[in-house]
Amino acid sequence: QPTMSEEELNRLQEQIHRTIQRKGQRIISVTRVGGRAALRAVAVSPEVTTEALLNTLAEALQIAGSFR
């Protein structure tokens, strides 16, 4: 199984964030934890459903699959 350097993982997280934000349909944030980029799904309304959060995760995985 291929591995990624810490820098590549950080770039991946940031790419996912930029791509989702650019589309403007979902809200996701990126922060730093121990110097590493980390994505956070954001539910800013009580009307956000589990399905919506899972769709955000699915989109992030799709973006990750085409990363490089």
PDB file of N, CA and C in Angstrom:
ATOM      1  N   GLN A   1       0.853  -1.179   0.000  1.00  0.00           N
ATOM      2  CA  GLN A   1       0.000   0.000   0.000  1.00  0.00           C
ATOM      3  C   GLN A   1       0.895   1.238   0.000  1.00  0.00           C
ATOM      4  N   PRO A   2       0.644   2.190  -0.916  1.00  0.00           N
ATOM      5  CA  PRO A   2       1.483   3.384  -0.988  1.00  0.00           C
ATOM      6  C   PRO A   2       1.295   4.251   0.255  1.00  0.00           C
ATOM      7  N   THR A   3       2.360   4.904   0.631  1.00  0.00           N
ATOM      8  CA  THR A   3       2.286   5.818   1.772  1.00  0.00           C
ATOM      9  C   THR A   3       2.539   7.236   1.277  1.00  0.00           C
ATOM     10  N   MET A   4       2.105   8.201   2.077  1.00  0.00           N
ATOM     11  CA  MET A   4       2.297   9.601   1.741  1.00  0.00           C
ATOM     12  C   MET A   4       3.130  10.246   2.835  1.00  0.00           C
ATOM     13  N   SER A   5       3.937  11.197   2.432  1.00  0.00           N
ATOM     14  CA  SER A   5       4.690  11.961   3.418  1.00  0.00           C
ATOM     15  C   SER A   5       3.732  12.885   4.167  1.00  0.00           C
ATOM     16  N   GLU A   6       4.177  13.394   5.278  1.00  0.00           N
ATOM     17  CA  GLU A   6       3.354  14.324   6.058  1.00  0.00           C
ATOM     18  C   GLU A   6       2.986  15.550   5.221  1.00  0.00           C
ATOM     19  N   GLU A   7       3.936  16.032   4.429  1.00  0.00           N
ATOM     20  CA  GLU A   7       3.677  17.191   3.572  1.00  0.00           C
ATOM     21  C   GLU A   7       2.607  16.868   2.516  1.00  0.00           C
ATOM     22  N   GLU A   8       2.672  15.674   1.931  1.00  0.00           N
ATOM     23  CA  GLU A   8       1.654  15.272   0.951  1.00  0.00           C
ATOM     24  C   GLU A   8       0.276  15.164   1.604  1.00  0.00           C
ATOM     25  N   LEU A   9       0.228  14.621   2.814  1.00  0.00           N
ATOM     26  CA  LEU A   9      -1.047  14.523   3.533  1.00  0.00           C
ATOM     27  C   LEU A   9      -1.615  15.912   3.812  1.00  0.00           C
ATOM     28  N   ASN A  10      -0.755  16.837   4.218  1.00  0.00           N
ATOM     29  CA  ASN A  10      -1.202  18.211   4.454  1.00  0.00           C
ATOM     30  C   ASN A  10      -1.756  18.824   3.167  1.00  0.00           C
ATOM     31  N   ARG A  11      -1.043  18.636   2.060  1.00  0.00           N
ATOM     32  CA  ARG A  11      -1.506  19.164   0.776  1.00  0.00           C
ATOM     33  C   ARG A  11      -2.837  18.546   0.366  1.00  0.00           C
ATOM     34  N   LEU A  12      -2.991  17.258   0.614  1.00  0.00           N
ATOM     35  CA  LEU A  12      -4.238  16.575   0.299  1.00  0.00           C
ATOM     36  C   LEU A  12      -5.401  17.190   1.082  1.00  0.00           C
ATOM     37  N   GLN A  13      -5.222  17.356   2.373  1.00  0.00           N
ATOM     38  CA  GLN A  13      -6.277  17.946   3.204  1.00  0.00           C
ATOM     39  C   GLN A  13      -6.652  19.343   2.699  1.00  0.00           C
ATOM     40  N   GLU A  14      -5.631  20.129   2.387  1.00  0.00           N
ATOM     41  CA  GLU A  14      -5.876  21.491   1.914  1.00  0.00           C
ATOM     42  C   GLU A  14      -6.544  21.492   0.541  1.00  0.00           C
ATOM     43  N   GLN A  15      -6.198  20.550  -0.326  1.00  0.00           N
ATOM     44  CA  GLN A  15      -6.830  20.439  -1.646  1.00  0.00           C
ATOM     45  C   GLN A  15      -8.303  20.072  -1.513  1.00  0.00           C
ATOM     46  N   ILE A  16      -8.599  19.133  -0.641  1.00  0.00           N
ATOM     47  CA  ILE A  16      -9.988  18.747  -0.400  1.00  0.00           C
ATOM     48  C   ILE A  16     -10.773  19.964   0.077  1.00  0.00           C
ATOM     49  N   HIS A  17     -10.222  20.688   1.033  1.00  0.00           N
ATOM     50  CA  HIS A  17     -10.886  21.878   1.572  1.00  0.00           C
ATOM     51  C   HIS A  17     -11.156  22.904   0.474  1.00  0.00           C
ATOM     52  N   ARG A  18     -10.128  23.238  -0.304  1.00  0.00           N
ATOM     53  CA  ARG A  18     -10.296  24.245  -1.367  1.00  0.00           C
ATOM     54  C   ARG A  18     -11.340  23.821  -2.390  1.00  0.00           C
ATOM     55  N   THR A  19     -11.288  22.563  -2.792  1.00  0.00           N
ATOM     56  CA  THR A  19     -12.210  22.081  -3.814  1.00  0.00           C
ATOM     57  C   THR A  19     -13.658  22.140  -3.331  1.00  0.00           C
ATOM     58  N   ILE A  20     -13.912  21.679  -2.122  1.00  0.00           N
ATOM     59  CA  ILE A  20     -15.271  21.700  -1.583  1.00  0.00           C
ATOM     60  C   ILE A  20     -15.740  23.141  -1.389  1.00  0.00           C
ATOM     61  N   GLN A  21     -14.883  24.005  -0.864  1.00  0.00           N
ATOM     62  CA  GLN A  21     -15.266  25.407  -0.661  1.00  0.00           C
ATOM     63  C   GLN A  21     -15.580  26.083  -1.992  1.00  0.00           C
ATOM     64  N   ARG A  22     -14.788  25.803  -3.004  1.00  0.00           N
ATOM     65  CA  ARG A  22     -14.974  26.428  -4.313  1.00  0.00           C
ATOM     66  C   ARG A  22     -16.345  26.084  -4.888  1.00  0.00           C
ATOM     67  N   LYS A  23     -16.792  24.855  -4.667  1.00  0.00           N
ATOM     68  CA  LYS A  23     -18.102  24.436  -5.188  1.00  0.00           C
ATOM     69  C   LYS A  23     -19.239  25.158  -4.475  1.00  0.00           C
ATOM     70  N   GLY A  24     -19.040  25.540  -3.218  1.00  0.00           N
ATOM     71  CA  GLY A  24     -20.014  26.331  -2.479  1.00  0.00           C
ATOM     72  C   GLY A  24     -21.278  25.617  -2.034  1.00  0.00           C
ATOM     73  N   GLN A  25     -21.307  24.298  -2.092  1.00  0.00           N
ATOM     74  CA  GLN A  25     -22.508  23.561  -1.700  1.00  0.00           C
ATOM     75  C   GLN A  25     -22.415  22.997  -0.287  1.00  0.00           C
ATOM     76  N   ARG A  26     -21.217  22.919   0.237  1.00  0.00           N
ATOM     77  CA  ARG A  26     -20.998  22.344   1.572  1.00  0.00           C
ATOM     78  C   ARG A  26     -20.036  23.232   2.340  1.00  0.00           C
ATOM     79  N   ILE A  27     -20.087  23.101   3.644  1.00  0.00           N
ATOM     80  CA  ILE A  27     -19.155  23.847   4.478  1.00  0.00           C
ATOM     81  C   ILE A  27     -18.224  22.846   5.147  1.00  0.00           C
ATOM     82  N   ILE A  28     -16.946  23.079   4.963  1.00  0.00           N
ATOM     83  CA  ILE A  28     -15.922  22.251   5.590  1.00  0.00           C
ATOM     84  C   ILE A  28     -14.785  23.194   5.961  1.00  0.00           C
ATOM     85  N   SER A  29     -14.135  22.925   7.065  1.00  0.00           N
ATOM     86  CA  SER A  29     -13.014  23.780   7.452  1.00  0.00           C
ATOM     87  C   SER A  29     -11.760  22.937   7.589  1.00  0.00           C
ATOM     88  N   VAL A  30     -10.637  23.620   7.597  1.00  0.00           N
ATOM     89  CA  VAL A  30      -9.356  22.954   7.799  1.00  0.00           C
ATOM     90  C   VAL A  30      -8.661  23.668   8.950  1.00  0.00           C
ATOM     91  N   THR A  31      -8.038  22.909   9.805  1.00  0.00           N
ATOM     92  CA  THR A  31      -7.321  23.461  10.938  1.00  0.00           C
ATOM     93  C   THR A  31      -5.986  22.737  11.055  1.00  0.00           C
ATOM     94  N   ARG A  32      -5.200  23.110  12.001  1.00  0.00           N
ATOM     95  CA  ARG A  32      -3.919  22.436  12.275  1.00  0.00           C
ATOM     96  C   ARG A  32      -4.002  21.772  13.643  1.00  0.00           C
ATOM     97  N   VAL A  33      -3.601  20.518  13.684  1.00  0.00           N
ATOM     98  CA  VAL A  33      -3.538  19.761  14.931  1.00  0.00           C
ATOM     99  C   VAL A  33      -2.146  19.165  15.000  1.00  0.00           C
ATOM    100  N   GLY A  34      -1.364  19.597  15.959  1.00  0.00           N
ATOM    101  CA  GLY A  34       0.003  19.107  16.065  1.00  0.00           C
ATOM    102  C   GLY A  34       0.820  19.396  14.821  1.00  0.00           C
ATOM    103  N   GLY A  35       0.530  20.517  14.153  1.00  0.00           N
ATOM    104  CA  GLY A  35       1.258  20.892  12.954  1.00  0.00           C
ATOM    105  C   GLY A  35       0.758  20.252  11.671  1.00  0.00           C
ATOM    106  N   ARG A  36      -0.236  19.387  11.776  1.00  0.00           N
ATOM    107  CA  ARG A  36      -0.783  18.699  10.609  1.00  0.00           C
ATOM    108  C   ARG A  36      -2.139  19.294  10.230  1.00  0.00           C
ATOM    109  N   ALA A  37      -2.407  19.356   8.929  1.00  0.00           N
ATOM    110  CA  ALA A  37      -3.705  19.813   8.453  1.00  0.00           C
ATOM    111  C   ALA A  37      -4.757  18.763   8.797  1.00  0.00           C
ATOM    112  N   ALA A  38      -5.929  19.227   9.229  1.00  0.00           N
ATOM    113  CA  ALA A  38      -7.025  18.323   9.571  1.00  0.00           C
ATOM    114  C   ALA A  38      -8.343  18.944   9.114  1.00  0.00           C
ATOM    115  N   LEU A  39      -9.141  18.164   8.429  1.00  0.00           N
ATOM    116  CA  LEU A  39     -10.444  18.635   7.964  1.00  0.00           C
ATOM    117  C   LEU A  39     -11.479  18.488   9.066  1.00  0.00           C
ATOM    118  N   ARG A  40     -12.459  19.421   9.054  1.00  0.00           N
ATOM    119  CA  ARG A  40     -13.582  19.344   9.988  1.00  0.00           C
ATOM    120  C   ARG A  40     -14.861  19.600   9.209  1.00  0.00           C
ATOM    121  N   ALA A  41     -15.770  18.659   9.278  1.00  0.00           N
ATOM    122  CA  ALA A  41     -17.092  18.885   8.689  1.00  0.00           C
ATOM    123  C   ALA A  41     -17.832  19.826   9.643  1.00  0.00           C
ATOM    124  N   VAL A  42     -18.544  20.782   9.090  1.00  0.00           N
ATOM    125  CA  VAL A  42     -19.194  21.808   9.900  1.00  0.00           C
ATOM    126  C   VAL A  42     -20.702  21.700   9.734  1.00  0.00           C
ATOM    127  N   ALA A  43     -21.392  21.512  10.838  1.00  0.00           N
ATOM    128  CA  ALA A  43     -22.857  21.494  10.845  1.00  0.00           C
ATOM    129  C   ALA A  43     -23.310  22.764  11.552  1.00  0.00           C
ATOM    130  N   VAL A  44     -23.650  23.789  10.771  1.00  0.00           N
ATOM    131  CA  VAL A  44     -23.971  25.094  11.346  1.00  0.00           C
ATOM    132  C   VAL A  44     -25.462  25.290  11.574  1.00  0.00           C
ATOM    133  N   SER A  45     -26.233  24.281  11.294  1.00  0.00           N
ATOM    134  CA  SER A  45     -27.680  24.372  11.433  1.00  0.00           C
ATOM    135  C   SER A  45     -28.204  23.061  12.002  1.00  0.00           C
ATOM    136  N   PRO A  46     -29.251  23.136  12.816  1.00  0.00           N
ATOM    137  CA  PRO A  46     -29.837  21.889  13.321  1.00  0.00           C
ATOM    138  C   PRO A  46     -30.495  21.075  12.214  1.00  0.00           C
ATOM    139  N   GLU A  47     -30.641  21.663  11.031  1.00  0.00           N
ATOM    140  CA  GLU A  47     -31.244  20.959   9.912  1.00  0.00           C
ATOM    141  C   GLU A  47     -30.237  20.138   9.105  1.00  0.00           C
ATOM    142  N   VAL A  48     -28.962  20.208   9.474  1.00  0.00           N
ATOM    143  CA  VAL A  48     -27.952  19.386   8.811  1.00  0.00           C
ATOM    144  C   VAL A  48     -28.196  17.939   9.233  1.00  0.00           C
ATOM    145  N   THR A  49     -28.287  17.067   8.250  1.00  0.00           N
ATOM    146  CA  THR A  49     -28.603  15.671   8.528  1.00  0.00           C
ATOM    147  C   THR A  49     -27.352  14.795   8.480  1.00  0.00           C
ATOM    148  N   THR A  50     -27.501  13.614   9.009  1.00  0.00           N
ATOM    149  CA  THR A  50     -26.430  12.632   8.906  1.00  0.00           C
ATOM    150  C   THR A  50     -26.128  12.363   7.442  1.00  0.00           C
ATOM    151  N   GLU A  51     -27.160  12.284   6.628  1.00  0.00           N
ATOM    152  CA  GLU A  51     -26.971  12.042   5.196  1.00  0.00           C
ATOM    153  C   GLU A  51     -26.127  13.152   4.561  1.00  0.00           C
ATOM    154  N   ALA A  52     -26.380  14.401   4.926  1.00  0.00           N
ATOM    155  CA  ALA A  52     -25.606  15.518   4.372  1.00  0.00           C
ATOM    156  C   ALA A  52     -24.138  15.408   4.778  1.00  0.00           C
ATOM    157  N   LEU A  53     -23.883  15.042   6.027  1.00  0.00           N
ATOM    158  CA  LEU A  53     -22.499  14.889   6.481  1.00  0.00           C
ATOM    159  C   LEU A  53     -21.821  13.722   5.765  1.00  0.00           C
ATOM    160  N   LEU A  54     -22.546  12.636   5.562  1.00  0.00           N
ATOM    161  CA  LEU A  54     -21.983  11.497   4.835  1.00  0.00           C
ATOM    162  C   LEU A  54     -21.715  11.853   3.377  1.00  0.00           C
ATOM    163  N   ASN A  55     -22.567  12.672   2.786  1.00  0.00           N
ATOM    164  CA  ASN A  55     -22.327  13.128   1.417  1.00  0.00           C
ATOM    165  C   ASN A  55     -21.076  13.993   1.337  1.00  0.00           C
ATOM    166  N   THR A  56     -20.846  14.803   2.362  1.00  0.00           N
ATOM    167  CA  THR A  56     -19.625  15.607   2.410  1.00  0.00           C
ATOM    168  C   THR A  56     -18.405  14.699   2.487  1.00  0.00           C
ATOM    169  N   LEU A  57     -18.481  13.680   3.314  1.00  0.00           N
ATOM    170  CA  LEU A  57     -17.383  12.714   3.428  1.00  0.00           C
ATOM    171  C   LEU A  57     -17.149  12.002   2.092  1.00  0.00           C
ATOM    172  N   ALA A  58     -18.223  11.607   1.428  1.00  0.00           N
ATOM    173  CA  ALA A  58     -18.097  10.932   0.135  1.00  0.00           C
ATOM    174  C   ALA A  58     -17.424  11.851  -0.884  1.00  0.00           C
ATOM    175  N   GLU A  59     -17.777  13.121  -0.864  1.00  0.00           N
ATOM    176  CA  GLU A  59     -17.151  14.057  -1.787  1.00  0.00           C
ATOM    177  C   GLU A  59     -15.663  14.212  -1.481  1.00  0.00           C
ATOM    178  N   ALA A  60     -15.329  14.284  -0.199  1.00  0.00           N
ATOM    179  CA  ALA A  60     -13.911  14.391   0.188  1.00  0.00           C
ATOM    180  C   ALA A  60     -13.129  13.171  -0.280  1.00  0.00           C
ATOM    181  N   LEU A  61     -13.716  12.002  -0.143  1.00  0.00           N
ATOM    182  CA  LEU A  61     -13.055  10.771  -0.586  1.00  0.00           C
ATOM    183  C   LEU A  61     -12.868  10.754  -2.107  1.00  0.00           C
ATOM    184  N   GLN A  62     -13.852  11.260  -2.831  1.00  0.00           N
ATOM    185  CA  GLN A  62     -13.746  11.324  -4.279  1.00  0.00           C
ATOM    186  C   GLN A  62     -12.598  12.259  -4.686  1.00  0.00           C
ATOM    187  N   ILE A  63     -12.507  13.398  -4.038  1.00  0.00           N
ATOM    188  CA  ILE A  63     -11.423  14.349  -4.330  1.00  0.00           C
ATOM    189  C   ILE A  63     -10.080  13.714  -3.995  1.00  0.00           C
ATOM    190  N   ALA A  64     -10.012  13.016  -2.860  1.00  0.00           N
ATOM    191  CA  ALA A  64      -8.768  12.363  -2.446  1.00  0.00           C
ATOM    192  C   ALA A  64      -8.339  11.321  -3.476  1.00  0.00           C
ATOM    193  N   GLY A  65      -9.308  10.629  -4.066  1.00  0.00           N
ATOM    194  CA  GLY A  65      -9.001   9.600  -5.044  1.00  0.00           C
ATOM    195  C   GLY A  65      -8.333  10.125  -6.295  1.00  0.00           C
ATOM    196  N   SER A  66      -8.543  11.406  -6.592  1.00  0.00           N
ATOM    197  CA  SER A  66      -7.924  11.996  -7.787  1.00  0.00           C
ATOM    198  C   SER A  66      -6.758  12.902  -7.439  1.00  0.00           C
ATOM    199  N   PHE A  67      -6.294  12.855  -6.206  1.00  0.00           N
ATOM    200  CA  PHE A  67      -5.197  13.718  -5.755  1.00  0.00           C
ATOM    201  C   PHE A  67      -3.870  13.270  -6.345  1.00  0.00           C
ATOM    202  N   ARG A  68      -3.068  14.227  -6.701  1.00  0.00           N
ATOM    203  CA  ARG A  68      -1.659  14.089  -7.116  1.00  0.00           C
ATOM    204  C   ARG A  68      -1.318  15.139  -8.053  1.00  0.00           C
TER     205      ARG A  68
END
